[in-house]
Amino acid sequence: MRLFKRILLAVDGSDHSVRAVKYAIELAEKFDGVIETVYVVDENTTKKDVLYAANKLEIEAKRKEKIKPIRNLLEQSNVVFGTHVLHGEPGPCIVQFAEEREVDCVVIGSRGLNQVQSFLLGSVSHKVAKRTACPVLIVK
C-alpha cells in the first residue's frame, strides 16, 4: 500500500496555502513521500503582470516572491520537493497535473487570494475535490 507517496501541493501565496504546506510536509514525512508544488498563473494575473511590470524578469521575481514563504517552509523540512509554475485556469490545471503525475493526494488551501472570484465561480479547492480521482485534503 503506497499511501501518500506523491503529494501535489497547490499554492497561491495566500495564508490558507501557507497552512496547507505544513499539512503536506507532515504527510510527506509520515509516508516518506515527495511533494510536487504547483502555482497556477491565471489569465487575469498574467494580464495584470504584463500591464504593471517593466519586463519579464520583474514578473518572474514577483511570482517567486509570492510563493517565497511556501518555498522557505519546504526548504526547512527534510522533504524532497519540486516546484512548478503552470499557466491557465487553476482548477483544471491542478486536476490535469494530478492526473499526469499520478499523485496519491492533493493538498490545497480552502480559500485563495481572490475571495470574490471564489464566491462567484466556485472555489478552486471545490473544483479540484470534485474532479480529482485521488483524495484531496482541503486546509482551512
C-alpha atoms as a PDB file:
ATOM      1  CA  MET A   1       0.000   0.000   0.000  1.00  0.00           C
ATOM      2  CA  ARG A   2       1.505   3.340  -1.103  1.00  0.00           C
ATOM      3  CA  LEU A   3      -0.407   5.917   0.866  1.00  0.00           C
ATOM      4  CA  PHE A   4       0.520   9.473   0.020  1.00  0.00           C
ATOM      5  CA  LYS A   5       3.924   8.869  -1.581  1.00  0.00           C
ATOM      6  CA  ARG A   6       3.354  11.512  -4.270  1.00  0.00           C
ATOM      7  CA  ILE A   7       1.682  14.609  -2.873  1.00  0.00           C
ATOM      8  CA  LEU A   8       0.518  17.505  -5.007  1.00  0.00           C
ATOM      9  CA  LEU A   9       0.538  20.796  -3.113  1.00  0.00           C
ATOM     10  CA  ALA A  10      -1.420  23.548  -4.871  1.00  0.00           C
ATOM     11  CA  VAL A  11      -0.464  27.042  -3.677  1.00  0.00           C
ATOM     12  CA  ASP A  12      -1.245  30.660  -4.485  1.00  0.00           C
ATOM     13  CA  GLY A  13       0.641  32.542  -1.784  1.00  0.00           C
ATOM     14  CA  SER A  14      -2.406  33.038   0.463  1.00  0.00           C
ATOM     15  CA  ASP A  15      -2.434  32.320   4.200  1.00  0.00           C
ATOM     16  CA  HIS A  16      -4.517  29.213   3.507  1.00  0.00           C
ATOM     17  CA  SER A  17      -1.904  27.847   1.129  1.00  0.00           C
ATOM     18  CA  VAL A  18       0.873  28.523   3.678  1.00  0.00           C
ATOM     19  CA  ARG A  19      -1.095  26.447   6.193  1.00  0.00           C
ATOM     20  CA  ALA A  20      -1.577  23.751   3.537  1.00  0.00           C
ATOM     21  CA  VAL A  21       2.216  23.482   3.180  1.00  0.00           C
ATOM     22  CA  LYS A  22       2.507  22.406   6.800  1.00  0.00           C
ATOM     23  CA  TYR A  23      -0.003  19.593   6.273  1.00  0.00           C
ATOM     24  CA  ALA A  24       1.700  18.479   3.065  1.00  0.00           C
ATOM     25  CA  ILE A  25       5.067  18.354   4.835  1.00  0.00           C
ATOM     26  CA  GLU A  26       3.561  16.351   7.693  1.00  0.00           C
ATOM     27  CA  LEU A  27       2.053  13.835   5.241  1.00  0.00           C
ATOM     28  CA  ALA A  28       5.293  13.561   3.276  1.00  0.00           C
ATOM     29  CA  GLU A  29       7.321  12.984   6.438  1.00  0.00           C
ATOM     30  CA  LYS A  30       4.883  10.381   7.746  1.00  0.00           C
ATOM     31  CA  PHE A  31       4.741   8.391   4.484  1.00  0.00           C
ATOM     32  CA  ASP A  32       8.266   9.133   3.200  1.00  0.00           C
ATOM     33  CA  GLY A  33       6.682  10.999   0.310  1.00  0.00           C
ATOM     34  CA  VAL A  34       7.617  13.608  -2.263  1.00  0.00           C
ATOM     35  CA  ILE A  35       5.816  16.932  -2.703  1.00  0.00           C
ATOM     36  CA  GLU A  36       5.162  18.466  -6.113  1.00  0.00           C
ATOM     37  CA  THR A  37       4.195  22.094  -5.576  1.00  0.00           C
ATOM     38  CA  VAL A  38       2.199  23.911  -8.245  1.00  0.00           C
ATOM     39  CA  TYR A  39       1.422  27.595  -8.555  1.00  0.00           C
ATOM     40  CA  VAL A  40      -1.059  28.360 -11.336  1.00  0.00           C
ATOM     41  CA  VAL A  41      -0.989  31.762 -13.009  1.00  0.00           C
ATOM     42  CA  ASP A  42      -4.407  32.509 -14.463  1.00  0.00           C
ATOM     43  CA  GLU A  43      -5.209  34.776 -17.413  1.00  0.00           C
ATOM     44  CA  ASN A  44      -6.198  37.777 -15.243  1.00  0.00           C
ATOM     45  CA  THR A  45      -2.956  37.620 -13.269  1.00  0.00           C
ATOM     46  CA  THR A  46      -0.964  37.361 -16.484  1.00  0.00           C
ATOM     47  CA  LYS A  47      -2.676  40.447 -17.905  1.00  0.00           C
ATOM     48  CA  LYS A  48      -2.056  42.472 -14.720  1.00  0.00           C
ATOM     49  CA  ASP A  49       1.558  41.352 -14.591  1.00  0.00           C
ATOM     50  CA  VAL A  50       2.163  42.434 -18.177  1.00  0.00           C
ATOM     51  CA  LEU A  51       0.464  45.807 -17.623  1.00  0.00           C
ATOM     52  CA  TYR A  52       2.261  46.714 -14.416  1.00  0.00           C
ATOM     53  CA  ALA A  53       5.681  45.095 -14.767  1.00  0.00           C
ATOM     54  CA  ALA A  54       8.648  46.634 -16.525  1.00  0.00           C
ATOM     55  CA  ASN A  55       9.867  43.341 -18.016  1.00  0.00           C
ATOM     56  CA  LYS A  56       9.660  39.565 -17.911  1.00  0.00           C
ATOM     57  CA  LEU A  57      12.313  39.289 -15.181  1.00  0.00           C
ATOM     58  CA  GLU A  58      10.252  41.557 -12.910  1.00  0.00           C
ATOM     59  CA  ILE A  59       7.177  39.376 -13.492  1.00  0.00           C
ATOM     60  CA  GLU A  60       9.111  36.225 -12.573  1.00  0.00           C
ATOM     61  CA  ALA A  61      10.563  37.930  -9.489  1.00  0.00           C
ATOM     62  CA  LYS A  62       7.070  38.934  -8.273  1.00  0.00           C
ATOM     63  CA  ARG A  63       5.781  35.404  -8.720  1.00  0.00           C
ATOM     64  CA  LYS A  64       8.748  33.935  -6.850  1.00  0.00           C
ATOM     65  CA  GLU A  65       8.227  36.483  -4.064  1.00  0.00           C
ATOM     66  CA  LYS A  66       4.564  35.480  -3.750  1.00  0.00           C
ATOM     67  CA  ILE A  67       5.445  31.847  -3.076  1.00  0.00           C
ATOM     68  CA  LYS A  68       8.661  32.524  -1.146  1.00  0.00           C
ATOM     69  CA  PRO A  69       7.153  31.702   2.297  1.00  0.00           C
ATOM     70  CA  ILE A  70       5.985  28.380   0.895  1.00  0.00           C
ATOM     71  CA  ARG A  71       9.396  27.557  -0.575  1.00  0.00           C
ATOM     72  CA  ASN A  72      11.061  28.547   2.710  1.00  0.00           C
ATOM     73  CA  LEU A  73       8.902  26.088   4.675  1.00  0.00           C
ATOM     74  CA  LEU A  74       9.631  23.310   2.194  1.00  0.00           C
ATOM     75  CA  GLU A  75      13.372  24.035   2.247  1.00  0.00           C
ATOM     76  CA  GLN A  76      13.391  23.934   6.061  1.00  0.00           C
ATOM     77  CA  SER A  77      11.839  20.463   6.033  1.00  0.00           C
ATOM     78  CA  ASN A  78      13.653  17.270   5.126  1.00  0.00           C
ATOM     79  CA  VAL A  79      11.134  16.534   2.374  1.00  0.00           C
ATOM     80  CA  VAL A  80      12.057  16.121  -1.279  1.00  0.00           C
ATOM     81  CA  PHE A  81      10.036  18.615  -3.318  1.00  0.00           C
ATOM     82  CA  GLY A  82       9.729  20.187  -6.721  1.00  0.00           C
ATOM     83  CA  THR A  83       8.034  23.421  -7.781  1.00  0.00           C
ATOM     84  CA  HIS A  84       6.120  24.114 -10.970  1.00  0.00           C
ATOM     85  CA  VAL A  85       4.518  27.260 -12.365  1.00  0.00           C
ATOM     86  CA  LEU A  86       1.575  26.452 -14.604  1.00  0.00           C
ATOM     87  CA  HIS A  87      -0.494  28.780 -16.789  1.00  0.00           C
ATOM     88  CA  GLY A  88      -4.257  28.581 -17.222  1.00  0.00           C
ATOM     89  CA  GLU A  89      -7.409  28.185 -15.175  1.00  0.00           C
ATOM     90  CA  PRO A  90      -6.309  26.936 -11.724  1.00  0.00           C
ATOM     91  CA  GLY A  91      -8.867  24.169 -11.146  1.00  0.00           C
ATOM     92  CA  PRO A  92      -8.430  22.309 -14.433  1.00  0.00           C
ATOM     93  CA  CYS A  93      -4.641  22.853 -14.436  1.00  0.00           C
ATOM     94  CA  ILE A  94      -4.299  21.312 -10.980  1.00  0.00           C
ATOM     95  CA  VAL A  95      -6.544  18.370 -11.890  1.00  0.00           C
ATOM     96  CA  GLN A  96      -4.630  17.737 -15.126  1.00  0.00           C
ATOM     97  CA  PHE A  97      -1.265  17.903 -13.338  1.00  0.00           C
ATOM     98  CA  ALA A  98      -2.546  15.478 -10.669  1.00  0.00           C
ATOM     99  CA  GLU A  99      -3.670  13.014 -13.337  1.00  0.00           C
ATOM    100  CA  GLU A 100      -0.484  13.288 -15.405  1.00  0.00           C
ATOM    101  CA  ARG A 101       1.766  12.789 -12.368  1.00  0.00           C
ATOM    102  CA  GLU A 102      -0.496  10.107 -10.863  1.00  0.00           C
ATOM    103  CA  VAL A 103      -0.352  11.729  -7.440  1.00  0.00           C
ATOM    104  CA  ASP A 104      -1.718   9.955  -4.390  1.00  0.00           C
ATOM    105  CA  CYS A 105      -3.133  13.056  -2.705  1.00  0.00           C
ATOM    106  CA  VAL A 106      -3.770  16.747  -3.376  1.00  0.00           C
ATOM    107  CA  VAL A 107      -3.315  19.264  -0.568  1.00  0.00           C
ATOM    108  CA  ILE A 108      -4.874  22.689  -1.140  1.00  0.00           C
ATOM    109  CA  GLY A 109      -5.978  25.679   0.919  1.00  0.00           C
ATOM    110  CA  SER A 110      -9.705  26.274   1.293  1.00  0.00           C
ATOM    111  CA  ARG A 111      -9.582  29.849   0.052  1.00  0.00           C
ATOM    112  CA  GLY A 112      -7.229  31.667  -2.244  1.00  0.00           C
ATOM    113  CA  LEU A 113      -6.262  35.270  -2.648  1.00  0.00           C
ATOM    114  CA  ASN A 114      -9.364  36.244  -4.608  1.00  0.00           C
ATOM    115  CA  GLN A 115     -12.422  35.589  -2.414  1.00  0.00           C
ATOM    116  CA  VAL A 116     -14.859  37.407  -4.714  1.00  0.00           C
ATOM    117  CA  GLN A 117     -13.896  35.196  -7.643  1.00  0.00           C
ATOM    118  CA  SER A 118     -14.158  32.106  -5.440  1.00  0.00           C
ATOM    119  CA  PHE A 119     -17.662  33.117  -4.395  1.00  0.00           C
ATOM    120  CA  LEU A 120     -18.854  33.793  -7.950  1.00  0.00           C
ATOM    121  CA  LEU A 121     -17.186  30.934  -9.819  1.00  0.00           C
ATOM    122  CA  GLY A 122     -16.884  28.283  -7.134  1.00  0.00           C
ATOM    123  CA  SER A 123     -13.653  27.823  -5.271  1.00  0.00           C
ATOM    124  CA  VAL A 124     -10.638  26.192  -6.854  1.00  0.00           C
ATOM    125  CA  SER A 125     -10.452  23.738  -3.965  1.00  0.00           C
ATOM    126  CA  HIS A 126     -14.048  22.679  -4.585  1.00  0.00           C
ATOM    127  CA  LYS A 127     -13.404  22.174  -8.314  1.00  0.00           C
ATOM    128  CA  VAL A 128     -10.274  20.131  -7.594  1.00  0.00           C
ATOM    129  CA  ALA A 129     -12.034  17.981  -4.988  1.00  0.00           C
ATOM    130  CA  LYS A 130     -14.899  17.282  -7.402  1.00  0.00           C
ATOM    131  CA  ARG A 131     -12.757  16.375 -10.406  1.00  0.00           C
ATOM    132  CA  THR A 132      -9.703  14.629  -8.991  1.00  0.00           C
ATOM    133  CA  ALA A 133      -9.632  10.840  -8.686  1.00  0.00           C
ATOM    134  CA  CYS A 134      -7.319  10.829  -5.659  1.00  0.00           C
ATOM    135  CA  PRO A 135      -8.063  12.062  -2.114  1.00  0.00           C
ATOM    136  CA  VAL A 136      -7.990  15.850  -1.609  1.00  0.00           C
ATOM    137  CA  LEU A 137      -7.102  17.479   1.701  1.00  0.00           C
ATOM    138  CA  ILE A 138      -8.628  20.970   1.886  1.00  0.00           C
ATOM    139  CA  VAL A 139      -6.940  23.008   4.617  1.00  0.00           C
ATOM    140  CA  LYS A 140      -8.939  25.779   6.312  1.00  0.00           C
END
